[in-house]
Amino acid sequence: MPTPTQPSPASAPAADVHGAYPRLTDDQVAILRSCGQQRQVREGDHLFRAGERSEDFFVVLSGTVAVVERHDDQEHVVQLHGPHSFLGELGLLEGQTAFVSAVVHSPGEVLAVGSAALRDVLSREPALGDVILRAYLLRRTMLAGAGTGFRIVGSAFSADTRRLLEFAARNRLPHRWSDLEKDAEAEALLTRLGISPEETPVVVLHDCRVLRNPSNAELAQVVGLRHETAEKAVCDLLVVGAGPGGLAAAVNGACEGLSTVVLDAEATGGQAGTSSRIENYLGFPAGISGGELAERAVVQADRFGARIDVPAEAAGLEQHDGTSVVRLADGGTVTATNVVVATGARYRRLTAPGIERFEGVGVHYAATVWEARTCRFDPVAVVGGGNSAGQAALFLAAQSPAVHLLVRGADLEHSMSRYLIDRIERHPRIDVRLHTEVREVTGEDRVESVVVEDNRTHQRQVLAARALFVFIGARPATSWLAEALPLDRRGFIPTGPEVADTSADLWKRLGRAPLALEAGLPGVFAVGDVRSGSVKRVASAVGEGAMAVRLAHEHLGEVGPPAVR
C-alpha cells in the first residue's frame, strides 16, 4: 500500500458532533496513564491502518493525529485529533479491523492502552467508559452516513450484490455501494483492478484487496466479525440467536462465570436491531435505536468474556450423555451443557410484482440509518400497522417530504401502541392509508412508485415512492429444531408446563418437571419471540434471557460442570 500523503489541517473537520469527539479531562487521562504506555511519535507514523486490527487504544497527549480514509487513490481527513482526544471507533471494542487509518500529523506523544487493560478500565470506571462508548457509537454511525469503509461493487439486479449489501447493513459495517448501472466510477475501478463486470459483485477492501463474490462468512472473517472455529470442548452455555433475549443471556451467563458462546446466522440485534427507535424500553426516556442497543450489549458481553460468532447458522440439535450438540450449516458443531434458543422470528416477505427485483436496493425489511441513507429527501412508503411500522414511519419522516403508511386493516389501534399513533396522527408528512395493500412496485433502475389498492373498493392508485419499507410480521425461526423439540402449531417453542405432557416419560426419568423456560429437552431453554406465548417485546425478551441463565445454573447443578473446558 502506498505511503499516505500528509493531510492538510485546513481540510480536517474542527467541530465535535454530538459528543463524537470529546476531550478527556485531566483526571480521566490520569486513570488511563495508570495502565498505559507513553510513546513518542513522529510526523507520518501510523498508529493503525485501515484493514488491520488495532490492539491498542490511543490518547493524544501532545501533537496531532489525523484519522484518514483512502478513496480512489486520494486521502480524505475524517478528523484531526489534538491533546486529550482519543482515537478509534466501535470496531476496537469488538475486535473488528479498522475502517480508517490514523497518521501522526505533527510530532508529539501518545498514550497506548492495551485492549485487555482498556476493558478492565471500562468496567472499573463507568463514567469514563460511558464517554468512550458513546463516542464510539456515534463515530460508527457517522462513518456509515459518510459511506466510509469497504466498497461493494455490483449490479442492483444481482442477488449476491443484494445479499452482501443486506449483510453489511444488518451488521452495521461501514461500507459504500458502487452500482454498475449508475456509478460511473464503478467501471473505472474495475478496469484499474483488472476485474470484468461478469466477475462482480466484488468487495474492495481498504488495501485494495478484492474478494470476488465472497460468502457472508468470508466477509465476516476478513472484517473480524467471526472468530476461528471453536475448540472441541464443552461450554457451559451456548446461545443460539443474538437478539435482545440472546444477548441478555450472554451478558448474564458470562458475568456469572459461565463459558459462553453466542451464534447468529445473520447479525447481532435480531428483529430489534432493524428498528430505528425503541421508545418503551426501561431506562431510555428519549428512546434508543435497535442498533445502538445491540452494540452496547455486544460490547458488554464481550467485556465479560462471551464469544460472539456471526454469521454462524444452527442447522440441528441433538443430545448425547447429558450434553447438547448444535450442528452448524457449515458442517461444524458446538457442544454445550446448556443451550438457550433465542432465534426469534424471520420477517415475512411481501409478495407483489417488482418486490423481489428491488429487495435490498429499494425494498427494505428494516429502517435504520443504513437503509435510510439511500433515499434521503425522497418520498417513501411503509407497509404495516404494528409498532415497527410506526417507528419506521416517524424515523423516515424526519427527512422525507412524504411518508405513506400503508395499513391493510381498518385502524391502527389493533396492533400499534397509543404513543406512536398520537405522534403519527400529528405528523404533517405522514399520510396514513387504511384498507390499503401493495399490488406492484415499479421503476427502471430504482424504485419509482408503488401501486396500491383499496381492499374494499378495489380501486388502485399510483404513489410516488423511492423506497418501500415492509413490516408485516414474522415467522418463528425454528425449522432447524423440527426434529429435536416439540413445536406448537405455528412453529413456536412451548416451554415449562406446556411441554410436560408431550415428553412425560423423559421428565419422569429425571424425577422433575421441566423448568419455567425449559423446552422439550433438559438444559435447552427458549426465550424471546421464538417462545410460544411470549409477549413480543424487547423488555420481556431481555428478562427471559436473564432468567434462562438462572435456570441454566439449576441444570448445571443437576448434571455437574463439563469435564473439559
Protein backbone atom coordinates (compact mmCIF):
# COMPACT_ATOMS: atom_id res chain seq x y z
CA MET A 1 0.00 0.00 0.00
CA PRO A 2 1.47 3.42 -0.88
CA THR A 3 2.54 5.69 1.95
CA PRO A 4 -0.33 8.05 2.80
CA THR A 5 0.17 11.68 1.96
CA GLN A 6 0.04 14.09 4.85
CA PRO A 7 -3.43 15.53 5.37
CA SER A 8 -3.95 19.23 5.29
CA PRO A 9 -5.13 20.68 8.62
CA ALA A 10 -7.39 23.02 6.71
CA SER A 11 -9.31 20.01 5.37
CA ALA A 12 -9.86 18.46 8.79
CA PRO A 13 -13.23 18.80 10.50
CA ALA A 14 -12.82 21.02 13.53
CA ALA A 15 -16.09 20.82 15.41
CA ASP A 16 -17.34 17.99 17.57
CA VAL A 17 -20.62 16.38 16.52
CA HIS A 18 -22.98 15.49 19.40
CA GLY A 19 -20.13 14.20 21.57
CA ALA A 20 -18.42 12.01 18.96
CA TYR A 21 -15.05 13.67 19.59
CA PRO A 22 -14.90 14.65 23.27
CA ARG A 23 -11.69 15.65 25.03
CA LEU A 24 -10.84 13.70 28.16
CA THR A 25 -10.36 15.51 31.44
CA ASP A 26 -7.00 15.51 33.27
CA ASP A 27 -8.42 13.02 35.79
CA GLN A 28 -9.60 10.67 33.03
CA VAL A 29 -6.21 10.80 31.32
CA ALA A 30 -4.55 10.05 34.67
CA ILE A 31 -6.71 6.93 35.04
CA LEU A 32 -5.60 5.72 31.63
CA ARG A 33 -1.94 6.56 32.32
CA SER A 34 -2.00 4.07 35.18
CA CYS A 35 -2.45 1.17 32.73
CA GLY A 36 -0.90 2.54 29.52
CA GLN A 37 2.46 3.35 28.00
CA GLN A 38 3.59 6.73 26.71
CA ARG A 39 5.14 6.79 23.24
CA GLN A 40 6.95 9.49 21.30
CA VAL A 41 5.60 9.73 17.73
CA ARG A 42 6.93 11.43 14.62
CA GLU A 43 5.19 13.02 11.67
CA GLY A 44 4.00 10.33 9.26
CA ASP A 45 3.92 7.50 11.83
CA HIS A 46 0.93 5.16 11.56
CA LEU A 47 -0.81 4.32 14.83
CA PHE A 48 -3.09 1.90 12.99
CA ARG A 49 -4.01 1.17 9.39
CA ALA A 50 -7.34 0.51 7.71
CA GLY A 51 -7.88 -3.21 7.25
CA GLU A 52 -5.79 -4.19 10.27
CA ARG A 53 -6.82 -4.93 13.85
CA SER A 54 -5.56 -2.45 16.40
CA GLU A 55 -4.53 -3.91 19.74
CA ASP A 56 -4.22 -0.51 21.42
CA PHE A 57 -6.44 2.37 22.47
CA PHE A 58 -4.67 5.69 21.84
CA VAL A 59 -4.97 9.03 23.64
CA VAL A 60 -3.16 12.02 22.11
CA LEU A 61 -1.08 13.72 24.81
CA SER A 62 0.64 16.28 22.55
CA GLY A 63 0.88 16.94 18.84
CA THR A 64 -1.93 16.00 16.43
CA VAL A 65 -3.10 12.79 14.78
CA ALA A 66 -5.22 12.68 11.61
CA VAL A 67 -7.80 9.98 11.01
CA VAL A 68 -7.88 9.44 7.25
CA GLU A 69 -9.74 7.35 4.72
CA ARG A 70 -8.28 6.36 1.37
CA HIS A 71 -10.74 6.57 -1.51
CA ASP A 72 -9.90 6.49 -5.24
CA ASP A 73 -6.17 6.95 -4.51
CA GLN A 74 -6.95 10.10 -2.55
CA GLU A 75 -6.85 10.61 1.19
CA HIS A 76 -9.73 12.29 2.97
CA VAL A 77 -9.38 13.55 6.53
CA VAL A 78 -12.15 12.25 8.76
CA GLN A 79 -10.99 14.04 11.91
CA LEU A 80 -7.91 15.79 13.29
CA HIS A 81 -7.25 14.87 16.93
CA GLY A 82 -5.38 17.10 19.37
CA PRO A 83 -4.31 16.74 23.02
CA HIS A 84 -6.68 14.76 25.26
CA SER A 85 -8.56 13.34 22.24
CA PHE A 86 -8.79 9.58 21.87
CA LEU A 87 -8.73 7.54 18.68
CA GLY A 88 -10.71 4.59 17.39
CA GLU A 89 -14.34 3.64 16.96
CA LEU A 90 -16.62 0.75 17.84
CA GLY A 91 -14.60 -1.88 15.98
CA LEU A 92 -11.77 -1.50 18.51
CA LEU A 93 -14.01 -2.80 21.30
CA GLU A 94 -15.48 -5.59 19.17
CA GLY A 95 -12.25 -6.92 17.67
CA GLN A 96 -13.01 -5.76 14.13
CA THR A 97 -10.48 -4.44 11.64
CA ALA A 98 -10.10 -0.67 11.39
CA PHE A 99 -12.10 1.10 8.68
CA VAL A 100 -9.83 4.17 8.68
CA SER A 101 -6.14 4.87 9.34
CA ALA A 102 -4.51 7.06 11.99
CA VAL A 103 -1.44 9.05 10.86
CA VAL A 104 0.60 11.38 13.04
CA HIS A 105 0.19 14.88 11.59
CA SER A 106 2.51 16.75 13.93
CA PRO A 107 5.03 15.11 16.30
CA GLY A 108 4.25 14.62 19.93
CA GLU A 109 3.35 11.95 22.42
CA VAL A 110 0.52 9.41 22.67
CA LEU A 111 -0.68 7.10 25.40
CA ALA A 112 -1.24 3.48 24.29
CA VAL A 113 -3.56 1.28 26.38
CA GLY A 114 -3.85 -2.42 25.52
CA SER A 115 -7.31 -3.77 24.70
CA ALA A 116 -7.41 -6.04 27.77
CA ALA A 117 -6.41 -3.18 30.07
CA LEU A 118 -8.99 -0.93 28.41
CA ARG A 119 -11.78 -3.42 29.11
CA ASP A 120 -10.70 -3.56 32.74
CA VAL A 121 -10.76 0.25 32.98
CA LEU A 122 -14.19 0.44 31.37
CA SER A 123 -15.57 -1.96 33.98
CA ARG A 124 -13.93 -0.09 36.90
CA GLU A 125 -14.64 3.44 35.70
CA PRO A 126 -18.22 3.56 34.37
CA ALA A 127 -18.23 7.33 33.79
CA LEU A 128 -15.11 7.14 31.61
CA GLY A 129 -16.46 4.03 29.92
CA ASP A 130 -19.69 5.81 29.03
CA VAL A 131 -17.79 8.72 27.42
CA ILE A 132 -15.74 6.33 25.27
CA LEU A 133 -18.60 4.01 24.34
CA ARG A 134 -20.95 6.85 23.45
CA ALA A 135 -18.30 8.47 21.25
CA TYR A 136 -17.56 5.15 19.55
CA LEU A 137 -21.23 4.52 18.82
CA LEU A 138 -21.59 7.99 17.29
CA ARG A 139 -18.43 7.59 15.24
CA ARG A 140 -19.69 4.30 13.79
CA THR A 141 -22.94 6.00 12.78
CA MET A 142 -21.03 8.89 11.22
CA LEU A 143 -18.79 6.52 9.25
CA ALA A 144 -21.91 4.80 7.96
CA GLY A 145 -23.53 8.05 6.90
CA ALA A 146 -20.36 9.19 5.11
CA GLY A 147 -20.04 5.95 3.13
CA THR A 148 -16.67 5.18 4.70
CA GLY A 149 -15.35 1.61 4.74
CA PHE A 150 -15.05 -1.17 2.21
CA ARG A 151 -16.74 -0.91 -1.18
CA ILE A 152 -19.26 -3.33 -2.65
CA VAL A 153 -19.25 -3.17 -6.46
CA GLY A 154 -22.09 -4.90 -8.25
CA SER A 155 -25.39 -4.66 -10.07
CA ALA A 156 -28.62 -3.79 -8.30
CA PHE A 157 -30.18 -6.74 -10.11
CA SER A 158 -27.67 -9.26 -8.75
CA ALA A 159 -28.97 -11.41 -5.88
CA ASP A 160 -25.43 -11.68 -4.49
CA THR A 161 -25.00 -7.91 -4.53
CA ARG A 162 -28.21 -7.55 -2.55
CA ARG A 163 -27.06 -10.30 -0.15
CA LEU A 164 -23.79 -8.52 0.58
CA LEU A 165 -25.48 -5.14 1.00
CA GLU A 166 -28.01 -6.59 3.44
CA PHE A 167 -25.33 -8.41 5.43
CA ALA A 168 -23.21 -5.26 5.74
CA ALA A 169 -26.21 -3.15 6.74
CA ARG A 170 -27.59 -5.64 9.28
CA ASN A 171 -24.17 -5.89 10.92
CA ARG A 172 -23.75 -2.11 10.89
CA LEU A 173 -20.46 -2.30 8.95
CA PRO A 174 -19.28 0.95 7.31
CA HIS A 175 -19.41 0.42 3.56
CA ARG A 176 -20.44 2.03 0.30
CA TRP A 177 -22.02 0.60 -2.81
CA SER A 178 -20.96 1.28 -6.39
CA ASP A 179 -23.84 0.37 -8.68
CA LEU A 180 -22.60 -0.95 -12.01
CA GLU A 181 -25.61 0.52 -13.82
CA LYS A 182 -25.43 4.00 -12.30
CA ASP A 183 -21.99 4.74 -10.85
CA ALA A 184 -19.53 5.97 -13.48
CA GLU A 185 -16.65 5.33 -11.06
CA ALA A 186 -17.53 1.65 -10.75
CA GLU A 187 -16.38 0.74 -14.26
CA ALA A 188 -13.16 2.75 -13.86
CA LEU A 189 -12.44 1.00 -10.56
CA LEU A 190 -12.98 -2.44 -12.07
CA THR A 191 -10.70 -1.58 -15.00
CA ARG A 192 -8.00 -0.39 -12.63
CA LEU A 193 -8.25 -3.63 -10.65
CA GLY A 194 -8.38 -5.83 -13.75
CA ILE A 195 -11.87 -7.18 -12.99
CA SER A 196 -14.56 -7.74 -15.60
CA PRO A 197 -18.22 -6.84 -14.87
CA GLU A 198 -19.07 -10.54 -15.15
CA GLU A 199 -16.93 -11.23 -12.06
CA THR A 200 -18.98 -8.94 -9.84
CA PRO A 201 -20.11 -8.48 -7.18
CA VAL A 202 -16.76 -7.86 -5.54
CA VAL A 203 -15.77 -6.36 -2.22
CA VAL A 204 -12.84 -3.94 -2.43
CA LEU A 205 -11.06 -3.62 0.89
CA HIS A 206 -9.03 -0.74 2.24
CA ASP A 207 -5.70 -2.11 0.98
CA CYS A 208 -7.18 -2.75 -2.48
CA ARG A 209 -7.56 -6.45 -1.82
CA VAL A 210 -10.50 -7.83 -3.75
CA LEU A 211 -12.93 -10.51 -2.58
CA ARG A 212 -14.76 -11.95 -5.58
CA ASN A 213 -18.38 -12.65 -4.62
CA PRO A 214 -17.46 -13.66 -1.07
CA SER A 215 -19.85 -15.56 1.15
CA ASN A 216 -21.15 -13.73 4.20
CA ALA A 217 -18.85 -15.87 6.35
CA GLU A 218 -15.80 -14.94 4.26
CA LEU A 219 -16.56 -11.24 4.54
CA ALA A 220 -17.18 -11.60 8.28
CA GLN A 221 -13.83 -13.33 8.74
CA VAL A 222 -11.98 -10.51 6.97
CA VAL A 223 -13.58 -7.68 8.97
CA GLY A 224 -13.31 -9.52 12.30
CA LEU A 225 -16.93 -10.44 12.96
CA ARG A 226 -16.22 -14.15 13.06
CA HIS A 227 -13.50 -15.91 15.02
CA GLU A 228 -11.61 -19.11 14.41
CA THR A 229 -13.55 -22.37 14.68
CA ALA A 230 -14.40 -23.18 18.29
CA GLU A 231 -12.17 -25.66 20.04
CA LYS A 232 -13.66 -29.09 20.58
CA ALA A 233 -14.70 -28.56 24.18
CA VAL A 234 -17.93 -28.35 26.11
CA CYS A 235 -19.05 -24.84 27.03
CA ASP A 236 -21.41 -24.11 29.90
CA LEU A 237 -23.80 -22.01 27.85
CA LEU A 238 -24.47 -21.87 24.12
CA VAL A 239 -26.81 -19.11 22.99
CA VAL A 240 -28.31 -19.53 19.52
CA GLY A 241 -29.55 -16.16 18.33
CA ALA A 242 -28.15 -12.70 19.17
CA GLY A 243 -31.31 -10.64 19.54
CA PRO A 244 -32.14 -8.90 22.84
CA GLY A 245 -33.01 -12.19 24.59
CA GLY A 246 -29.88 -13.96 23.40
CA LEU A 247 -27.58 -11.04 24.20
CA ALA A 248 -29.13 -10.74 27.68
CA ALA A 249 -28.43 -14.43 28.26
CA ALA A 250 -24.86 -13.95 27.04
CA VAL A 251 -24.20 -10.96 29.32
CA ASN A 252 -25.69 -12.65 32.38
CA GLY A 253 -24.08 -16.01 31.70
CA ALA A 254 -20.61 -14.61 31.05
CA CYS A 255 -20.66 -12.22 34.01
CA GLU A 256 -21.58 -15.15 36.29
CA GLY A 257 -18.58 -17.13 35.14
CA LEU A 258 -20.18 -19.48 32.62
CA SER A 259 -18.13 -20.18 29.50
CA THR A 260 -20.46 -18.63 26.93
CA VAL A 261 -20.66 -18.83 23.14
CA VAL A 262 -23.20 -16.92 21.03
CA LEU A 263 -24.10 -17.80 17.44
CA ASP A 264 -26.26 -15.91 14.97
CA ALA A 265 -26.96 -16.67 11.33
CA GLU A 266 -27.21 -13.01 10.25
CA ALA A 267 -26.36 -10.25 12.72
CA THR A 268 -26.47 -9.18 16.33
CA GLY A 269 -29.61 -7.33 17.34
CA GLY A 270 -32.24 -9.62 15.83
CA GLN A 271 -35.52 -8.05 14.79
CA ALA A 272 -34.97 -5.28 17.34
CA GLY A 273 -31.76 -4.34 15.52
CA THR A 274 -33.81 -3.31 12.48
CA SER A 275 -35.77 -0.75 14.50
CA SER A 276 -34.90 2.93 14.10
CA ARG A 277 -36.03 3.73 17.65
CA ILE A 278 -37.34 1.81 20.66
CA GLU A 279 -39.13 4.22 22.97
CA ASN A 280 -40.74 1.97 25.58
CA TYR A 281 -37.61 0.27 26.90
CA LEU A 282 -36.95 0.93 30.58
CA GLY A 283 -34.16 3.38 31.33
CA PHE A 284 -34.07 5.17 27.97
CA PRO A 285 -36.61 8.01 28.25
CA ALA A 286 -35.51 9.52 24.93
CA GLY A 287 -35.56 6.12 23.24
CA ILE A 288 -32.71 4.16 21.72
CA SER A 289 -32.19 2.69 18.27
CA GLY A 290 -32.20 -1.09 18.00
CA GLY A 291 -28.71 -0.94 16.50
CA GLU A 292 -27.28 1.04 19.41
CA LEU A 293 -28.95 -1.24 21.95
CA ALA A 294 -27.41 -4.25 20.20
CA GLU A 295 -23.94 -2.67 20.00
CA ARG A 296 -23.99 -1.79 23.70
CA ALA A 297 -24.99 -5.35 24.57
CA VAL A 298 -22.28 -6.82 22.32
CA VAL A 299 -19.59 -4.69 23.97
CA GLN A 300 -20.95 -5.65 27.40
CA ALA A 301 -21.00 -9.38 26.60
CA ASP A 302 -17.51 -9.22 25.11
CA ARG A 303 -16.20 -7.42 28.18
CA PHE A 304 -17.35 -10.30 30.37
CA GLY A 305 -15.73 -12.87 28.09
CA ALA A 306 -18.61 -14.13 25.95
CA ARG A 307 -17.62 -15.12 22.41
CA ILE A 308 -19.95 -13.98 19.62
CA ASP A 309 -19.72 -15.50 16.13
CA VAL A 310 -21.58 -14.03 13.13
CA PRO A 311 -22.60 -15.49 10.76
CA ALA A 312 -22.90 -18.97 12.23
CA GLU A 313 -26.15 -20.71 11.35
CA ALA A 314 -27.53 -23.52 13.51
CA ALA A 315 -28.79 -26.46 11.43
CA GLY A 316 -29.77 -29.06 14.03
CA LEU A 317 -29.79 -30.07 17.70
CA GLU A 318 -29.07 -33.41 19.36
CA GLN A 319 -28.41 -34.59 22.90
CA HIS A 320 -25.84 -37.17 23.97
CA ASP A 321 -24.97 -38.18 27.53
CA GLY A 322 -26.42 -35.08 29.11
CA THR A 323 -24.89 -32.55 26.70
CA SER A 324 -26.39 -30.80 23.71
CA VAL A 325 -24.69 -30.73 20.32
CA VAL A 326 -25.68 -28.00 17.86
CA ARG A 327 -24.80 -28.73 14.25
CA LEU A 328 -23.88 -25.75 12.10
CA ALA A 329 -24.74 -25.18 8.46
CA ASP A 330 -21.04 -25.10 7.56
CA GLY A 331 -20.54 -28.60 8.97
CA GLY A 332 -19.11 -27.64 12.36
CA THR A 333 -20.55 -28.43 15.78
CA VAL A 334 -20.66 -26.73 19.17
CA THR A 335 -21.25 -28.76 22.35
CA ALA A 336 -22.74 -27.27 25.50
CA THR A 337 -24.27 -28.28 28.82
CA ASN A 338 -26.99 -25.65 28.38
CA VAL A 339 -28.50 -24.22 25.21
CA VAL A 340 -30.59 -21.05 25.07
CA VAL A 341 -32.63 -20.85 21.86
CA ALA A 342 -33.18 -17.18 21.05
CA THR A 343 -33.51 -17.36 17.27
CA GLY A 344 -36.55 -15.08 17.26
CA ALA A 345 -38.51 -14.72 14.07
CA ARG A 346 -37.79 -14.02 10.41
CA TYR A 347 -39.66 -11.15 8.79
CA ARG A 348 -42.43 -12.03 6.38
CA ARG A 349 -41.68 -11.02 2.80
CA LEU A 350 -44.20 -9.06 0.82
CA THR A 351 -45.36 -10.73 -2.39
CA ALA A 352 -46.16 -8.49 -5.35
CA PRO A 353 -44.72 -7.89 -8.83
CA GLY A 354 -41.46 -5.94 -8.66
CA ILE A 355 -40.75 -6.67 -4.98
CA GLU A 356 -38.11 -9.35 -5.44
CA ARG A 357 -36.27 -7.36 -8.10
CA PHE A 358 -35.63 -4.45 -5.75
CA GLU A 359 -35.14 -6.26 -2.41
CA GLY A 360 -32.15 -4.76 -0.64
CA VAL A 361 -31.83 -1.88 -3.11
CA GLY A 362 -35.13 -0.06 -2.66
CA VAL A 363 -37.33 -2.58 -0.89
CA HIS A 364 -36.22 -2.99 2.73
CA TYR A 365 -37.27 -5.01 5.77
CA ALA A 366 -35.54 -2.66 8.20
CA ALA A 367 -35.46 1.10 8.69
CA THR A 368 -32.16 2.20 10.17
CA VAL A 369 -29.59 4.80 9.14
CA TRP A 370 -28.11 2.20 6.77
CA GLU A 371 -31.25 1.87 4.68
CA ALA A 372 -32.44 5.46 5.07
CA ARG A 373 -29.25 6.93 3.61
CA THR A 374 -30.23 5.62 0.15
CA CYS A 375 -33.48 7.59 -0.02
CA ARG A 376 -32.87 10.81 1.88
CA PHE A 377 -35.21 13.65 0.92
CA ASP A 378 -37.36 11.36 -1.26
CA PRO A 379 -40.97 10.23 -0.74
CA VAL A 380 -41.18 6.68 0.67
CA ALA A 381 -43.82 4.11 1.60
CA VAL A 382 -44.04 1.96 4.75
CA VAL A 383 -46.18 -1.19 4.88
CA GLY A 384 -47.56 -2.43 8.19
CA GLY A 385 -49.74 -1.50 11.12
CA GLY A 386 -47.60 -2.52 14.11
CA ASN A 387 -45.06 -0.74 16.26
CA SER A 388 -42.16 -1.48 13.90
CA ALA A 389 -44.00 0.18 11.01
CA GLY A 390 -44.95 3.16 13.16
CA GLN A 391 -41.40 3.68 14.39
CA ALA A 392 -40.10 3.43 10.83
CA ALA A 393 -42.60 5.99 9.54
CA LEU A 394 -41.62 8.52 12.21
CA PHE A 395 -37.92 7.94 11.66
CA LEU A 396 -38.15 8.34 7.88
CA ALA A 397 -40.41 11.40 8.14
CA ALA A 398 -37.55 13.32 9.76
CA GLN A 399 -36.01 13.75 6.28
CA SER A 400 -38.58 12.55 3.76
CA PRO A 401 -41.06 15.07 2.30
CA ALA A 402 -43.79 12.39 2.34
CA VAL A 403 -44.20 9.03 4.07
CA HIS A 404 -47.14 6.86 3.00
CA LEU A 405 -48.06 4.45 5.82
CA LEU A 406 -50.00 1.62 4.17
CA VAL A 407 -52.18 -0.39 6.55
CA ARG A 408 -54.22 -3.40 5.46
CA GLY A 409 -56.67 -3.15 8.37
CA ALA A 410 -59.31 -0.65 9.37
CA ASP A 411 -57.33 1.12 12.12
CA LEU A 412 -54.00 1.42 13.90
CA GLU A 413 -55.31 0.69 17.39
CA HIS A 414 -55.38 -3.07 16.85
CA SER A 415 -51.59 -3.56 16.91
CA MET A 416 -49.83 -0.20 17.47
CA SER A 417 -49.05 1.49 20.78
CA ARG A 418 -51.03 4.61 21.58
CA TYR A 419 -47.99 6.88 21.90
CA LEU A 420 -46.98 6.05 18.32
CA ILE A 421 -50.49 6.55 16.97
CA ASP A 422 -50.71 10.00 18.56
CA ARG A 423 -47.38 11.10 17.09
CA ILE A 424 -48.21 9.72 13.63
CA GLU A 425 -51.59 11.43 13.55
CA ARG A 426 -49.95 14.77 14.41
CA HIS A 427 -47.10 14.47 11.92
CA PRO A 428 -47.69 16.66 8.83
CA ARG A 429 -45.62 14.49 6.48
CA ILE A 430 -47.11 11.08 7.31
CA ASP A 431 -50.08 10.01 5.20
CA VAL A 432 -51.92 7.06 6.80
CA ARG A 433 -53.85 4.94 4.29
CA LEU A 434 -56.11 2.30 5.85
CA HIS A 435 -57.59 -0.68 3.95
CA THR A 436 -54.60 -0.41 1.61
CA GLU A 437 -52.43 -3.15 0.12
CA VAL A 438 -49.43 -3.08 -2.23
CA ARG A 439 -50.08 -4.60 -5.64
CA GLU A 440 -46.89 -3.68 -7.52
CA VAL A 441 -43.56 -1.88 -7.21
CA THR A 442 -42.41 -0.12 -10.40
CA GLY A 443 -39.26 1.51 -11.66
CA GLU A 444 -36.43 1.19 -14.17
CA ASP A 445 -33.13 1.02 -12.27
CA ARG A 446 -34.60 2.01 -8.89
CA VAL A 447 -37.95 2.07 -7.12
CA GLU A 448 -40.02 4.93 -8.54
CA SER A 449 -43.59 4.22 -7.46
CA VAL A 450 -45.88 1.84 -5.62
CA VAL A 451 -49.24 0.67 -6.96
CA VAL A 452 -51.72 0.30 -4.08
CA GLU A 453 -55.29 -0.96 -3.90
CA ASP A 454 -58.15 -0.24 -1.54
CA ASN A 455 -59.16 -3.74 -0.36
CA ARG A 456 -62.82 -2.64 -0.03
CA THR A 457 -63.43 -0.84 -3.33
CA HIS A 458 -60.54 -2.47 -5.30
CA GLN A 459 -59.67 0.96 -6.64
CA ARG A 460 -55.98 1.31 -7.50
CA GLN A 461 -53.68 4.29 -7.23
CA VAL A 462 -50.03 5.00 -8.04
CA LEU A 463 -47.99 6.62 -5.23
CA ALA A 464 -44.61 8.23 -5.86
CA ALA A 465 -42.05 6.49 -3.64
CA ARG A 466 -38.31 5.96 -3.97
CA ALA A 467 -38.22 3.16 -1.39
CA LEU A 468 -40.59 0.68 0.23
CA PHE A 469 -40.15 -0.43 3.85
CA VAL A 470 -42.01 -3.60 4.82
CA PHE A 471 -43.08 -4.59 8.36
CA ILE A 472 -45.81 -7.22 8.10
CA GLY A 473 -44.93 -9.62 10.90
CA ALA A 474 -42.58 -12.55 11.20
CA ARG A 475 -42.43 -16.35 11.43
CA PRO A 476 -40.53 -18.22 14.17
CA ALA A 477 -37.04 -19.32 13.13
CA THR A 478 -37.40 -22.92 14.29
CA SER A 479 -37.07 -25.04 11.14
CA TRP A 480 -33.70 -26.30 12.40
CA LEU A 481 -35.40 -27.68 15.53
CA ALA A 482 -38.29 -29.54 13.86
CA GLU A 483 -36.85 -32.99 14.65
CA ALA A 484 -35.41 -32.12 18.05
CA LEU A 485 -38.09 -30.27 20.03
CA PRO A 486 -41.88 -30.25 20.14
CA LEU A 487 -43.27 -27.12 18.45
CA ASP A 488 -46.75 -25.66 18.60
CA ARG A 489 -48.99 -25.48 15.53
CA ARG A 490 -47.49 -22.13 14.48
CA GLY A 491 -43.90 -23.30 14.89
CA PHE A 492 -43.11 -21.62 18.23
CA ILE A 493 -41.39 -23.49 21.08
CA PRO A 494 -43.55 -24.49 24.08
CA THR A 495 -41.79 -24.30 27.44
CA GLY A 496 -42.34 -25.27 31.07
CA PRO A 497 -45.71 -26.86 31.86
CA GLU A 498 -46.67 -26.79 28.17
CA VAL A 499 -44.09 -29.49 27.36
CA ALA A 500 -44.59 -31.66 30.45
CA ASP A 501 -47.21 -33.83 28.75
CA THR A 502 -45.51 -34.08 25.35
CA SER A 503 -42.48 -35.88 26.84
CA ALA A 504 -43.83 -37.20 30.15
CA ASP A 505 -41.56 -40.27 30.21
CA LEU A 506 -38.44 -38.12 29.87
CA TRP A 507 -39.32 -35.91 32.81
CA LYS A 508 -40.43 -38.90 34.87
CA ARG A 509 -36.98 -40.48 34.41
CA LEU A 510 -35.38 -37.22 35.51
CA GLY A 511 -37.64 -37.09 38.55
CA ARG A 512 -38.69 -33.49 37.97
CA ALA A 513 -40.92 -31.25 35.89
CA PRO A 514 -39.48 -29.03 33.16
CA LEU A 515 -38.21 -25.68 34.39
CA ALA A 516 -40.10 -22.49 33.53
CA LEU A 517 -38.34 -21.73 30.21
CA GLU A 518 -37.16 -25.27 29.51
CA ALA A 519 -38.19 -26.73 26.17
CA GLY A 520 -38.69 -30.39 25.29
CA LEU A 521 -35.15 -31.40 26.30
CA PRO A 522 -33.39 -30.89 29.66
CA GLY A 523 -30.97 -28.00 29.60
CA VAL A 524 -32.49 -26.47 26.45
CA PHE A 525 -34.30 -23.18 27.07
CA ALA A 526 -36.30 -20.89 24.77
CA VAL A 527 -36.52 -17.13 25.24
CA GLY A 528 -37.92 -14.13 23.39
CA ASP A 529 -40.07 -14.13 20.27
CA VAL A 530 -39.33 -17.78 19.44
CA ARG A 531 -41.03 -18.98 22.62
CA SER A 532 -44.71 -19.94 22.49
CA GLY A 533 -46.79 -17.37 24.37
CA SER A 534 -44.06 -14.73 24.59
CA VAL A 535 -45.05 -11.07 24.90
CA LYS A 536 -43.06 -9.99 21.79
CA ARG A 537 -41.43 -7.02 23.48
CA VAL A 538 -37.73 -6.20 23.86
CA ALA A 539 -38.01 -5.81 27.63
CA SER A 540 -39.63 -9.21 28.11
CA ALA A 541 -37.04 -10.90 25.87
CA VAL A 542 -34.24 -9.37 27.92
CA GLY A 543 -35.88 -10.54 31.14
CA GLU A 544 -36.32 -14.07 29.80
CA GLY A 545 -32.68 -14.15 28.70
CA ALA A 546 -31.53 -13.30 32.22
CA MET A 547 -33.98 -15.79 33.74
CA ALA A 548 -32.73 -18.57 31.45
CA VAL A 549 -29.24 -18.18 32.90
CA ARG A 550 -30.60 -18.68 36.41
CA LEU A 551 -32.34 -21.85 35.24
CA ALA A 552 -29.15 -22.97 33.47
CA HIS A 553 -27.38 -22.85 36.84
CA GLU A 554 -30.02 -25.21 38.20
CA HIS A 555 -29.40 -27.61 35.33
CA LEU A 556 -25.63 -27.38 35.86
CA GLY A 557 -26.19 -28.29 39.49
CA GLU A 558 -28.11 -31.34 38.31
CA VAL A 559 -25.59 -32.67 35.76
CA GLY A 560 -22.36 -31.14 37.03
CA PRO A 561 -19.91 -28.91 35.16
CA PRO A 562 -18.37 -30.15 31.91
CA ALA A 563 -15.27 -32.28 32.32
CA VAL A 564 -13.38 -30.44 29.57
CA ARG A 565 -13.33 -26.68 29.05
